[in-house]
């Protein structure tokens, strides 16, 4: 049994400060699932 979750820093998302994309070609985005730590407002 384990717990996992994901985070993003919104400044990194906007500035495209990120890992290199070597082979991903999907569509859509999970970004709308993310909630701000301070108040749980959505992206």
ModelCIF file with pLDDT and N, C-alpha, C, O atoms, coordinates in Angstrom:
data_MODEL
#
_entry.id   MODEL 
#
_entity.id                         1 
_entity.type                       polymer 
_entity.pdbx_number_of_molecules   1 
#
_entity_poly.entity_id                      1 
_entity_poly.type                           'polypeptide(L)' 
_entity_poly.nstd_linkage                   no 
_entity_poly.nstd_monomer                   no 
_entity_poly.pdbx_seq_one_letter_code       
;(UNK)(UNK)(UNK)(UNK)(UNK)(UNK)(UNK)(UNK)(UNK)(UNK)(UNK)(UNK)(UNK)(UNK)(UNK)(UNK)
(UNK)(UNK)(UNK)(UNK)(UNK)(UNK)(UNK)(UNK)(UNK)(UNK)(UNK)(UNK)(UNK)(UNK)(UNK)(UNK)
(UNK)(UNK)(UNK)(UNK)(UNK)(UNK)(UNK)(UNK)(UNK)(UNK)(UNK)
;
_entity_poly.pdbx_seq_one_letter_code_can   XXXXXXXXXXXXXXXXXXXXXXXXXXXXXXXXXXXXXXXXXXX 
_entity_poly.pdbx_strand_id                 A 
#
loop_
_entity_poly_seq.entity_id 
_entity_poly_seq.num 
_entity_poly_seq.mon_id 
_entity_poly_seq.hetero 
1 1  UNK n 
1 2  UNK n 
1 3  UNK n 
1 4  UNK n 
1 5  UNK n 
1 6  UNK n 
1 7  UNK n 
1 8  UNK n 
1 9  UNK n 
1 10 UNK n 
1 11 UNK n 
1 12 UNK n 
1 13 UNK n 
1 14 UNK n 
1 15 UNK n 
1 16 UNK n 
1 17 UNK n 
1 18 UNK n 
1 19 UNK n 
1 20 UNK n 
1 21 UNK n 
1 22 UNK n 
1 23 UNK n 
1 24 UNK n 
1 25 UNK n 
1 26 UNK n 
1 27 UNK n 
1 28 UNK n 
1 29 UNK n 
1 30 UNK n 
1 31 UNK n 
1 32 UNK n 
1 33 UNK n 
1 34 UNK n 
1 35 UNK n 
1 36 UNK n 
1 37 UNK n 
1 38 UNK n 
1 39 UNK n 
1 40 UNK n 
1 41 UNK n 
1 42 UNK n 
1 43 UNK n 
#
_struct_asym.id          A 
_struct_asym.entity_id   1 
#
loop_
_ma_qa_metric.id 
_ma_qa_metric.mode 
_ma_qa_metric.name 
_ma_qa_metric.software_group_id 
_ma_qa_metric.type 
1 global pLDDT . pLDDT 
2 local  pLDDT . pLDDT 
#
_ma_qa_metric_global.metric_id      1 
_ma_qa_metric_global.metric_value   96.81 
_ma_qa_metric_global.model_id       1 
_ma_qa_metric_global.ordinal_id     1 
#
loop_
_ma_qa_metric_local.label_asym_id 
_ma_qa_metric_local.label_comp_id 
_ma_qa_metric_local.label_seq_id 
_ma_qa_metric_local.metric_id 
_ma_qa_metric_local.metric_value 
_ma_qa_metric_local.model_id 
_ma_qa_metric_local.ordinal_id 
A UNK 1  2 97.00 1 1  
A UNK 2  2 98.00 1 2  
A UNK 3  2 98.00 1 3  
A UNK 4  2 97.00 1 4  
A UNK 5  2 98.00 1 5  
A UNK 6  2 98.00 1 6  
A UNK 7  2 98.00 1 7  
A UNK 8  2 98.00 1 8  
A UNK 9  2 98.00 1 9  
A UNK 10 2 98.00 1 10 
A UNK 11 2 98.00 1 11 
A UNK 12 2 98.00 1 12 
A UNK 13 2 97.00 1 13 
A UNK 14 2 97.00 1 14 
A UNK 15 2 97.00 1 15 
A UNK 16 2 97.00 1 16 
A UNK 17 2 98.00 1 17 
A UNK 18 2 98.00 1 18 
A UNK 19 2 98.00 1 19 
A UNK 20 2 97.00 1 20 
A UNK 21 2 97.00 1 21 
A UNK 22 2 96.00 1 22 
A UNK 23 2 97.00 1 23 
A UNK 24 2 96.00 1 24 
A UNK 25 2 95.00 1 25 
A UNK 26 2 94.00 1 26 
A UNK 27 2 92.00 1 27 
A UNK 28 2 92.00 1 28 
A UNK 29 2 94.00 1 29 
A UNK 30 2 95.00 1 30 
A UNK 31 2 96.00 1 31 
A UNK 32 2 96.00 1 32 
A UNK 33 2 96.00 1 33 
A UNK 34 2 98.00 1 34 
A UNK 35 2 98.00 1 35 
A UNK 36 2 98.00 1 36 
A UNK 37 2 98.00 1 37 
A UNK 38 2 98.00 1 38 
A UNK 39 2 97.00 1 39 
A UNK 40 2 96.00 1 40 
A UNK 41 2 97.00 1 41 
A UNK 42 2 97.00 1 42 
A UNK 43 2 97.00 1 43 
#
loop_
_atom_site.group_PDB 
_atom_site.id 
_atom_site.type_symbol 
_atom_site.label_atom_id 
_atom_site.label_alt_id 
_atom_site.label_comp_id 
_atom_site.label_asym_id 
_atom_site.label_entity_id 
_atom_site.label_seq_id 
_atom_site.pdbx_PDB_ins_code 
_atom_site.Cartn_x 
_atom_site.Cartn_y 
_atom_site.Cartn_z 
_atom_site.occupancy 
_atom_site.B_iso_or_equiv 
_atom_site.pdbx_formal_charge 
_atom_site.auth_seq_id 
_atom_site.auth_comp_id 
_atom_site.auth_asym_id 
_atom_site.auth_atom_id 
_atom_site.pdbx_PDB_model_num 
ATOM 1   N N  . UNK A 1 1  ? 0.854  -1.184 0.000   1.00 97.00 ? 1  UNK A N  1 
ATOM 2   C CA . UNK A 1 1  ? 0.000  0.000  0.000   1.00 97.00 ? 1  UNK A CA 1 
ATOM 3   C C  . UNK A 1 1  ? 0.894  1.239  0.000   1.00 97.00 ? 1  UNK A C  1 
ATOM 4   O O  . UNK A 1 1  ? 1.868  1.312  0.749   1.00 97.00 ? 1  UNK A O  1 
ATOM 5   N N  . UNK A 1 2  ? 0.556  2.205  -0.841  1.00 98.00 ? 2  UNK A N  1 
ATOM 6   C CA . UNK A 1 2  ? 1.354  3.429  -0.932  1.00 98.00 ? 2  UNK A CA 1 
ATOM 7   C C  . UNK A 1 2  ? 0.443  4.601  -1.261  1.00 98.00 ? 2  UNK A C  1 
ATOM 8   O O  . UNK A 1 2  ? -0.719 4.431  -1.631  1.00 98.00 ? 2  UNK A O  1 
ATOM 9   N N  . UNK A 1 3  ? 0.999  5.786  -1.116  1.00 98.00 ? 3  UNK A N  1 
ATOM 10  C CA . UNK A 1 3  ? 0.310  7.034  -1.469  1.00 98.00 ? 3  UNK A CA 1 
ATOM 11  C C  . UNK A 1 3  ? 1.130  7.734  -2.527  1.00 98.00 ? 3  UNK A C  1 
ATOM 12  O O  . UNK A 1 3  ? 2.354  7.806  -2.422  1.00 98.00 ? 3  UNK A O  1 
ATOM 13  N N  . UNK A 1 4  ? 0.473  8.249  -3.540  1.00 97.00 ? 4  UNK A N  1 
ATOM 14  C CA . UNK A 1 4  ? 1.190  9.114  -4.468  1.00 97.00 ? 4  UNK A CA 1 
ATOM 15  C C  . UNK A 1 4  ? 0.314  10.300 -4.849  1.00 97.00 ? 4  UNK A C  1 
ATOM 16  O O  . UNK A 1 4  ? -0.915 10.242 -4.791  1.00 97.00 ? 4  UNK A O  1 
ATOM 17  N N  . UNK A 1 5  ? 0.979  11.362 -5.236  1.00 98.00 ? 5  UNK A N  1 
ATOM 18  C CA . UNK A 1 5  ? 0.298  12.553 -5.725  1.00 98.00 ? 5  UNK A CA 1 
ATOM 19  C C  . UNK A 1 5  ? 1.279  13.312 -6.605  1.00 98.00 ? 5  UNK A C  1 
ATOM 20  O O  . UNK A 1 5  ? 2.461  12.972 -6.666  1.00 98.00 ? 5  UNK A O  1 
ATOM 21  N N  . UNK A 1 6  ? 0.789  14.336 -7.284  1.00 98.00 ? 6  UNK A N  1 
ATOM 22  C CA . UNK A 1 6  ? 1.616  15.102 -8.204  1.00 98.00 ? 6  UNK A CA 1 
ATOM 23  C C  . UNK A 1 6  ? 1.497  16.581 -7.884  1.00 98.00 ? 6  UNK A C  1 
ATOM 24  O O  . UNK A 1 6  ? 0.483  17.038 -7.356  1.00 98.00 ? 6  UNK A O  1 
ATOM 25  N N  . UNK A 1 7  ? 2.542  17.319 -8.211  1.00 98.00 ? 7  UNK A N  1 
ATOM 26  C CA . UNK A 1 7  ? 2.516  18.768 -8.056  1.00 98.00 ? 7  UNK A CA 1 
ATOM 27  C C  . UNK A 1 7  ? 3.078  19.428 -9.309  1.00 98.00 ? 7  UNK A C  1 
ATOM 28  O O  . UNK A 1 7  ? 3.840  18.830 -10.069 1.00 98.00 ? 7  UNK A O  1 
ATOM 29  N N  . UNK A 1 8  ? 2.676  20.673 -9.495  1.00 98.00 ? 8  UNK A N  1 
ATOM 30  C CA . UNK A 1 8  ? 3.307  21.529 -10.503 1.00 98.00 ? 8  UNK A CA 1 
ATOM 31  C C  . UNK A 1 8  ? 3.461  22.909 -9.897  1.00 98.00 ? 8  UNK A C  1 
ATOM 32  O O  . UNK A 1 8  ? 2.664  23.322 -9.054  1.00 98.00 ? 8  UNK A O  1 
ATOM 33  N N  . UNK A 1 9  ? 4.478  23.609 -10.325 1.00 98.00 ? 9  UNK A N  1 
ATOM 34  C CA . UNK A 1 9  ? 4.656  25.015 -9.990  1.00 98.00 ? 9  UNK A CA 1 
ATOM 35  C C  . UNK A 1 9  ? 4.126  25.816 -11.170 1.00 98.00 ? 9  UNK A C  1 
ATOM 36  O O  . UNK A 1 9  ? 4.590  25.641 -12.297 1.00 98.00 ? 9  UNK A O  1 
ATOM 37  N N  . UNK A 1 10 ? 3.158  26.692 -10.923 1.00 98.00 ? 10 UNK A N  1 
ATOM 38  C CA . UNK A 1 10 ? 2.490  27.369 -12.022 1.00 98.00 ? 10 UNK A CA 1 
ATOM 39  C C  . UNK A 1 10 ? 3.449  28.234 -12.829 1.00 98.00 ? 10 UNK A C  1 
ATOM 40  O O  . UNK A 1 10 ? 3.266  28.391 -14.036 1.00 98.00 ? 10 UNK A O  1 
ATOM 41  N N  . UNK A 1 11 ? 4.468  28.797 -12.187 1.00 98.00 ? 11 UNK A N  1 
ATOM 42  C CA . UNK A 1 11 ? 5.435  29.600 -12.934 1.00 98.00 ? 11 UNK A CA 1 
ATOM 43  C C  . UNK A 1 11 ? 6.219  28.735 -13.910 1.00 98.00 ? 11 UNK A C  1 
ATOM 44  O O  . UNK A 1 11 ? 6.518  29.171 -15.022 1.00 98.00 ? 11 UNK A O  1 
ATOM 45  N N  . UNK A 1 12 ? 6.555  27.508 -13.502 1.00 98.00 ? 12 UNK A N  1 
ATOM 46  C CA . UNK A 1 12 ? 7.251  26.588 -14.397 1.00 98.00 ? 12 UNK A CA 1 
ATOM 47  C C  . UNK A 1 12 ? 6.356  26.193 -15.566 1.00 98.00 ? 12 UNK A C  1 
ATOM 48  O O  . UNK A 1 12 ? 6.817  26.097 -16.703 1.00 98.00 ? 12 UNK A O  1 
ATOM 49  N N  . UNK A 1 13 ? 5.065  25.963 -15.279 1.00 97.00 ? 13 UNK A N  1 
ATOM 50  C CA . UNK A 1 13 ? 4.129  25.591 -16.349 1.00 97.00 ? 13 UNK A CA 1 
ATOM 51  C C  . UNK A 1 13 ? 4.057  26.693 -17.392 1.00 97.00 ? 13 UNK A C  1 
ATOM 52  O O  . UNK A 1 13 ? 4.130  26.424 -18.591 1.00 97.00 ? 13 UNK A O  1 
ATOM 53  N N  . UNK A 1 14 ? 3.916  27.926 -16.941 1.00 97.00 ? 14 UNK A N  1 
ATOM 54  C CA . UNK A 1 14 ? 3.782  29.060 -17.867 1.00 97.00 ? 14 UNK A CA 1 
ATOM 55  C C  . UNK A 1 14 ? 5.062  29.284 -18.658 1.00 97.00 ? 14 UNK A C  1 
ATOM 56  O O  . UNK A 1 14 ? 5.016  29.542 -19.861 1.00 97.00 ? 14 UNK A O  1 
ATOM 57  N N  . UNK A 1 15 ? 6.202  29.185 -17.988 1.00 97.00 ? 15 UNK A N  1 
ATOM 58  C CA . UNK A 1 15 ? 7.492  29.467 -18.637 1.00 97.00 ? 15 UNK A CA 1 
ATOM 59  C C  . UNK A 1 15 ? 8.043  28.259 -19.393 1.00 97.00 ? 15 UNK A C  1 
ATOM 60  O O  . UNK A 1 15 ? 9.091  28.354 -20.033 1.00 97.00 ? 15 UNK A O  1 
ATOM 61  N N  . UNK A 1 16 ? 7.343  27.122 -19.325 1.00 97.00 ? 16 UNK A N  1 
ATOM 62  C CA . UNK A 1 16 ? 7.823  25.885 -19.944 1.00 97.00 ? 16 UNK A CA 1 
ATOM 63  C C  . UNK A 1 16 ? 9.200  25.490 -19.390 1.00 97.00 ? 16 UNK A C  1 
ATOM 64  O O  . UNK A 1 16 ? 10.084 25.052 -20.127 1.00 97.00 ? 16 UNK A O  1 
ATOM 65  N N  . UNK A 1 17 ? 9.349  25.655 -18.101 1.00 98.00 ? 17 UNK A N  1 
ATOM 66  C CA . UNK A 1 17 ? 10.532 25.162 -17.403 1.00 98.00 ? 17 UNK A CA 1 
ATOM 67  C C  . UNK A 1 17 ? 10.202 23.740 -16.979 1.00 98.00 ? 17 UNK A C  1 
ATOM 68  O O  . UNK A 1 17 ? 9.420  23.529 -16.052 1.00 98.00 ? 17 UNK A O  1 
ATOM 69  N N  . UNK A 1 18 ? 10.797 22.761 -17.658 1.00 98.00 ? 18 UNK A N  1 
ATOM 70  C CA . UNK A 1 18 ? 10.266 21.409 -17.581 1.00 98.00 ? 18 UNK A CA 1 
ATOM 71  C C  . UNK A 1 18 ? 11.283 20.376 -18.045 1.00 98.00 ? 18 UNK A C  1 
ATOM 72  O O  . UNK A 1 18 ? 12.372 20.721 -18.502 1.00 98.00 ? 18 UNK A O  1 
ATOM 73  N N  . UNK A 1 19 ? 10.919 19.124 -17.922 1.00 98.00 ? 19 UNK A N  1 
ATOM 74  C CA . UNK A 1 19 ? 11.741 18.033 -18.436 1.00 98.00 ? 19 UNK A CA 1 
ATOM 75  C C  . UNK A 1 19 ? 11.640 17.974 -19.958 1.00 98.00 ? 19 UNK A C  1 
ATOM 76  O O  . UNK A 1 19 ? 10.677 18.479 -20.535 1.00 98.00 ? 19 UNK A O  1 
ATOM 77  N N  . UNK A 1 20 ? 12.626 17.363 -20.612 1.00 97.00 ? 20 UNK A N  1 
ATOM 78  C CA . UNK A 1 20 ? 12.577 17.285 -22.077 1.00 97.00 ? 20 UNK A CA 1 
ATOM 79  C C  . UNK A 1 20 ? 11.532 16.278 -22.544 1.00 97.00 ? 20 UNK A C  1 
ATOM 80  O O  . UNK A 1 20 ? 11.365 15.213 -21.948 1.00 97.00 ? 20 UNK A O  1 
ATOM 81  N N  . UNK A 1 21 ? 10.839 16.628 -23.609 1.00 97.00 ? 21 UNK A N  1 
ATOM 82  C CA . UNK A 1 21 ? 9.878  15.696 -24.198 1.00 97.00 ? 21 UNK A CA 1 
ATOM 83  C C  . UNK A 1 21 ? 10.581 14.911 -25.302 1.00 97.00 ? 21 UNK A C  1 
ATOM 84  O O  . UNK A 1 21 ? 10.914 15.459 -26.353 1.00 97.00 ? 21 UNK A O  1 
ATOM 85  N N  . UNK A 1 22 ? 10.799 13.634 -25.054 1.00 96.00 ? 22 UNK A N  1 
ATOM 86  C CA . UNK A 1 22 ? 11.498 12.822 -26.052 1.00 96.00 ? 22 UNK A CA 1 
ATOM 87  C C  . UNK A 1 22 ? 10.553 11.912 -26.831 1.00 96.00 ? 22 UNK A C  1 
ATOM 88  O O  . UNK A 1 22 ? 10.922 11.415 -27.895 1.00 96.00 ? 22 UNK A O  1 
ATOM 89  N N  . UNK A 1 23 ? 9.316  11.678 -26.313 1.00 97.00 ? 23 UNK A N  1 
ATOM 90  C CA . UNK A 1 23 ? 8.476  10.711 -27.028 1.00 97.00 ? 23 UNK A CA 1 
ATOM 91  C C  . UNK A 1 23 ? 6.986  10.800 -26.701 1.00 97.00 ? 23 UNK A C  1 
ATOM 92  O O  . UNK A 1 23 ? 6.241  9.888  -27.059 1.00 97.00 ? 23 UNK A O  1 
ATOM 93  N N  . UNK A 1 24 ? 6.523  11.854 -26.040 1.00 96.00 ? 24 UNK A N  1 
ATOM 94  C CA . UNK A 1 24 ? 5.108  11.956 -25.686 1.00 96.00 ? 24 UNK A CA 1 
ATOM 95  C C  . UNK A 1 24 ? 4.350  12.719 -26.765 1.00 96.00 ? 24 UNK A C  1 
ATOM 96  O O  . UNK A 1 24 ? 4.781  13.786 -27.202 1.00 96.00 ? 24 UNK A O  1 
ATOM 97  N N  . UNK A 1 25 ? 3.204  12.156 -27.195 1.00 95.00 ? 25 UNK A N  1 
ATOM 98  C CA . UNK A 1 25 ? 2.435  12.772 -28.277 1.00 95.00 ? 25 UNK A CA 1 
ATOM 99  C C  . UNK A 1 25 ? 0.943  12.774 -27.978 1.00 95.00 ? 25 UNK A C  1 
ATOM 100 O O  . UNK A 1 25 ? 0.132  12.792 -28.903 1.00 95.00 ? 25 UNK A O  1 
ATOM 101 N N  . UNK A 1 26 ? 0.564  12.757 -26.697 1.00 94.00 ? 26 UNK A N  1 
ATOM 102 C CA . UNK A 1 26 ? -0.840 12.698 -26.306 1.00 94.00 ? 26 UNK A CA 1 
ATOM 103 C C  . UNK A 1 26 ? -1.510 14.060 -26.487 1.00 94.00 ? 26 UNK A C  1 
ATOM 104 O O  . UNK A 1 26 ? -0.848 15.061 -26.762 1.00 94.00 ? 26 UNK A O  1 
ATOM 105 N N  . UNK A 1 27 ? -2.832 14.079 -26.329 1.00 92.00 ? 27 UNK A N  1 
ATOM 106 C CA . UNK A 1 27 ? -3.585 15.321 -26.405 1.00 92.00 ? 27 UNK A CA 1 
ATOM 107 C C  . UNK A 1 27 ? -4.369 15.517 -25.116 1.00 92.00 ? 27 UNK A C  1 
ATOM 108 O O  . UNK A 1 27 ? -4.528 14.592 -24.320 1.00 92.00 ? 27 UNK A O  1 
ATOM 109 N N  . UNK A 1 28 ? -4.858 16.750 -24.925 1.00 92.00 ? 28 UNK A N  1 
ATOM 110 C CA . UNK A 1 28 ? -5.496 17.085 -23.669 1.00 92.00 ? 28 UNK A CA 1 
ATOM 111 C C  . UNK A 1 28 ? -4.457 17.388 -22.612 1.00 92.00 ? 28 UNK A C  1 
ATOM 112 O O  . UNK A 1 28 ? -3.256 17.290 -22.865 1.00 92.00 ? 28 UNK A O  1 
ATOM 113 N N  . UNK A 1 29 ? -4.915 17.756 -21.430 1.00 94.00 ? 29 UNK A N  1 
ATOM 114 C CA . UNK A 1 29 ? -4.003 18.055 -20.335 1.00 94.00 ? 29 UNK A CA 1 
ATOM 115 C C  . UNK A 1 29 ? -4.676 17.750 -19.005 1.00 94.00 ? 29 UNK A C  1 
ATOM 116 O O  . UNK A 1 29 ? -5.888 17.906 -18.859 1.00 94.00 ? 29 UNK A O  1 
ATOM 117 N N  . UNK A 1 30 ? -3.880 17.316 -18.041 1.00 95.00 ? 30 UNK A N  1 
ATOM 118 C CA . UNK A 1 30 ? -4.385 17.056 -16.687 1.00 95.00 ? 30 UNK A CA 1 
ATOM 119 C C  . UNK A 1 30 ? -4.362 18.314 -15.817 1.00 95.00 ? 30 UNK A C  1 
ATOM 120 O O  . UNK A 1 30 ? -4.740 18.250 -14.648 1.00 95.00 ? 30 UNK A O  1 
ATOM 121 N N  . UNK A 1 31 ? -3.934 19.440 -16.350 1.00 96.00 ? 31 UNK A N  1 
ATOM 122 C CA . UNK A 1 31 ? -3.708 20.620 -15.522 1.00 96.00 ? 31 UNK A CA 1 
ATOM 123 C C  . UNK A 1 31 ? -4.964 21.086 -14.777 1.00 96.00 ? 31 UNK A C  1 
ATOM 124 O O  . UNK A 1 31 ? -4.857 21.661 -13.694 1.00 96.00 ? 31 UNK A O  1 
ATOM 125 N N  . UNK A 1 32 ? -6.134 20.847 -15.336 1.00 96.00 ? 32 UNK A N  1 
ATOM 126 C CA . UNK A 1 32 ? -7.356 21.282 -14.657 1.00 96.00 ? 32 UNK A CA 1 
ATOM 127 C C  . UNK A 1 32 ? -7.631 20.477 -13.384 1.00 96.00 ? 32 UNK A C  1 
ATOM 128 O O  . UNK A 1 32 ? -8.477 20.865 -12.579 1.00 96.00 ? 32 UNK A O  1 
ATOM 129 N N  . UNK A 1 33 ? -6.925 19.367 -13.201 1.00 96.00 ? 33 UNK A N  1 
ATOM 130 C CA . UNK A 1 33 ? -7.094 18.564 -11.988 1.00 96.00 ? 33 UNK A CA 1 
ATOM 131 C C  . UNK A 1 33 ? -6.335 19.140 -10.796 1.00 96.00 ? 33 UNK A C  1 
ATOM 132 O O  . UNK A 1 33 ? -6.558 18.724 -9.659  1.00 96.00 ? 33 UNK A O  1 
ATOM 133 N N  . UNK A 1 34 ? -5.444 20.088 -11.046 1.00 98.00 ? 34 UNK A N  1 
ATOM 134 C CA . UNK A 1 34 ? -4.547 20.565 -9.995  1.00 98.00 ? 34 UNK A CA 1 
ATOM 135 C C  . UNK A 1 34 ? -5.186 21.700 -9.190  1.00 98.00 ? 34 UNK A C  1 
ATOM 136 O O  . UNK A 1 34 ? -5.849 22.580 -9.739  1.00 98.00 ? 34 UNK A O  1 
ATOM 137 N N  . UNK A 1 35 ? -4.963 21.651 -7.869  1.00 98.00 ? 35 UNK A N  1 
ATOM 138 C CA . UNK A 1 35 ? -5.522 22.622 -6.939  1.00 98.00 ? 35 UNK A CA 1 
ATOM 139 C C  . UNK A 1 35 ? -4.399 23.411 -6.265  1.00 98.00 ? 35 UNK A C  1 
ATOM 140 O O  . UNK A 1 35 ? -3.358 22.847 -5.926  1.00 98.00 ? 35 UNK A O  1 
ATOM 141 N N  . UNK A 1 36 ? -4.608 24.696 -6.073  1.00 98.00 ? 36 UNK A N  1 
ATOM 142 C CA . UNK A 1 36 ? -3.599 25.526 -5.416  1.00 98.00 ? 36 UNK A CA 1 
ATOM 143 C C  . UNK A 1 36 ? -3.498 25.155 -3.942  1.00 98.00 ? 36 UNK A C  1 
ATOM 144 O O  . UNK A 1 36 ? -4.513 24.985 -3.266  1.00 98.00 ? 36 UNK A O  1 
ATOM 145 N N  . UNK A 1 37 ? -2.282 25.032 -3.454  1.00 98.00 ? 37 UNK A N  1 
ATOM 146 C CA . UNK A 1 37 ? -2.064 24.601 -2.075  1.00 98.00 ? 37 UNK A CA 1 
ATOM 147 C C  . UNK A 1 37 ? -2.707 25.571 -1.086  1.00 98.00 ? 37 UNK A C  1 
ATOM 148 O O  . UNK A 1 37 ? -3.268 25.140 -0.078  1.00 98.00 ? 37 UNK A O  1 
ATOM 149 N N  . UNK A 1 38 ? -2.636 26.861 -1.357  1.00 98.00 ? 38 UNK A N  1 
ATOM 150 C CA . UNK A 1 38 ? -3.088 27.863 -0.389  1.00 98.00 ? 38 UNK A CA 1 
ATOM 151 C C  . UNK A 1 38 ? -4.586 27.832 -0.151  1.00 98.00 ? 38 UNK A C  1 
ATOM 152 O O  . UNK A 1 38 ? -5.030 28.016 0.983   1.00 98.00 ? 38 UNK A O  1 
ATOM 153 N N  . UNK A 1 39 ? -5.389 27.599 -1.211  1.00 97.00 ? 39 UNK A N  1 
ATOM 154 C CA . UNK A 1 39 ? -6.843 27.732 -1.068  1.00 97.00 ? 39 UNK A CA 1 
ATOM 155 C C  . UNK A 1 39 ? -7.638 26.712 -1.868  1.00 97.00 ? 39 UNK A C  1 
ATOM 156 O O  . UNK A 1 39 ? -8.867 26.771 -1.887  1.00 97.00 ? 39 UNK A O  1 
ATOM 157 N N  . UNK A 1 40 ? -6.963 25.778 -2.529  1.00 96.00 ? 40 UNK A N  1 
ATOM 158 C CA . UNK A 1 40 ? -7.589 24.722 -3.319  1.00 96.00 ? 40 UNK A CA 1 
ATOM 159 C C  . UNK A 1 40 ? -8.357 25.241 -4.531  1.00 96.00 ? 40 UNK A C  1 
ATOM 160 O O  . UNK A 1 40 ? -9.253 24.570 -5.042  1.00 96.00 ? 40 UNK A O  1 
ATOM 161 N N  . UNK A 1 41 ? -8.000 26.434 -4.984  1.00 97.00 ? 41 UNK A N  1 
ATOM 162 C CA . UNK A 1 41 ? -8.541 26.933 -6.253  1.00 97.00 ? 41 UNK A CA 1 
ATOM 163 C C  . UNK A 1 41 ? -7.907 26.150 -7.398  1.00 97.00 ? 41 UNK A C  1 
ATOM 164 O O  . UNK A 1 41 ? -6.751 25.735 -7.313  1.00 97.00 ? 41 UNK A O  1 
ATOM 165 N N  . UNK A 1 42 ? -8.674 25.952 -8.467  1.00 97.00 ? 42 UNK A N  1 
ATOM 166 C CA . UNK A 1 42 ? -8.163 25.181 -9.596  1.00 97.00 ? 42 UNK A CA 1 
ATOM 167 C C  . UNK A 1 42 ? -7.179 25.997 -10.439 1.00 97.00 ? 42 UNK A C  1 
ATOM 168 O O  . UNK A 1 42 ? -7.138 27.225 -10.367 1.00 97.00 ? 42 UNK A O  1 
ATOM 169 N N  . UNK A 1 43 ? -6.396 25.282 -11.232 1.00 97.00 ? 43 UNK A N  1 
ATOM 170 C CA . UNK A 1 43 ? -5.456 25.923 -12.140 1.00 97.00 ? 43 UNK A CA 1 
ATOM 171 C C  . UNK A 1 43 ? -6.207 26.920 -13.024 1.00 97.00 ? 43 UNK A C  1 
ATOM 172 O O  . UNK A 1 43 ? -5.599 27.576 -13.869 1.00 97.00 ? 43 UNK A O  1 
#
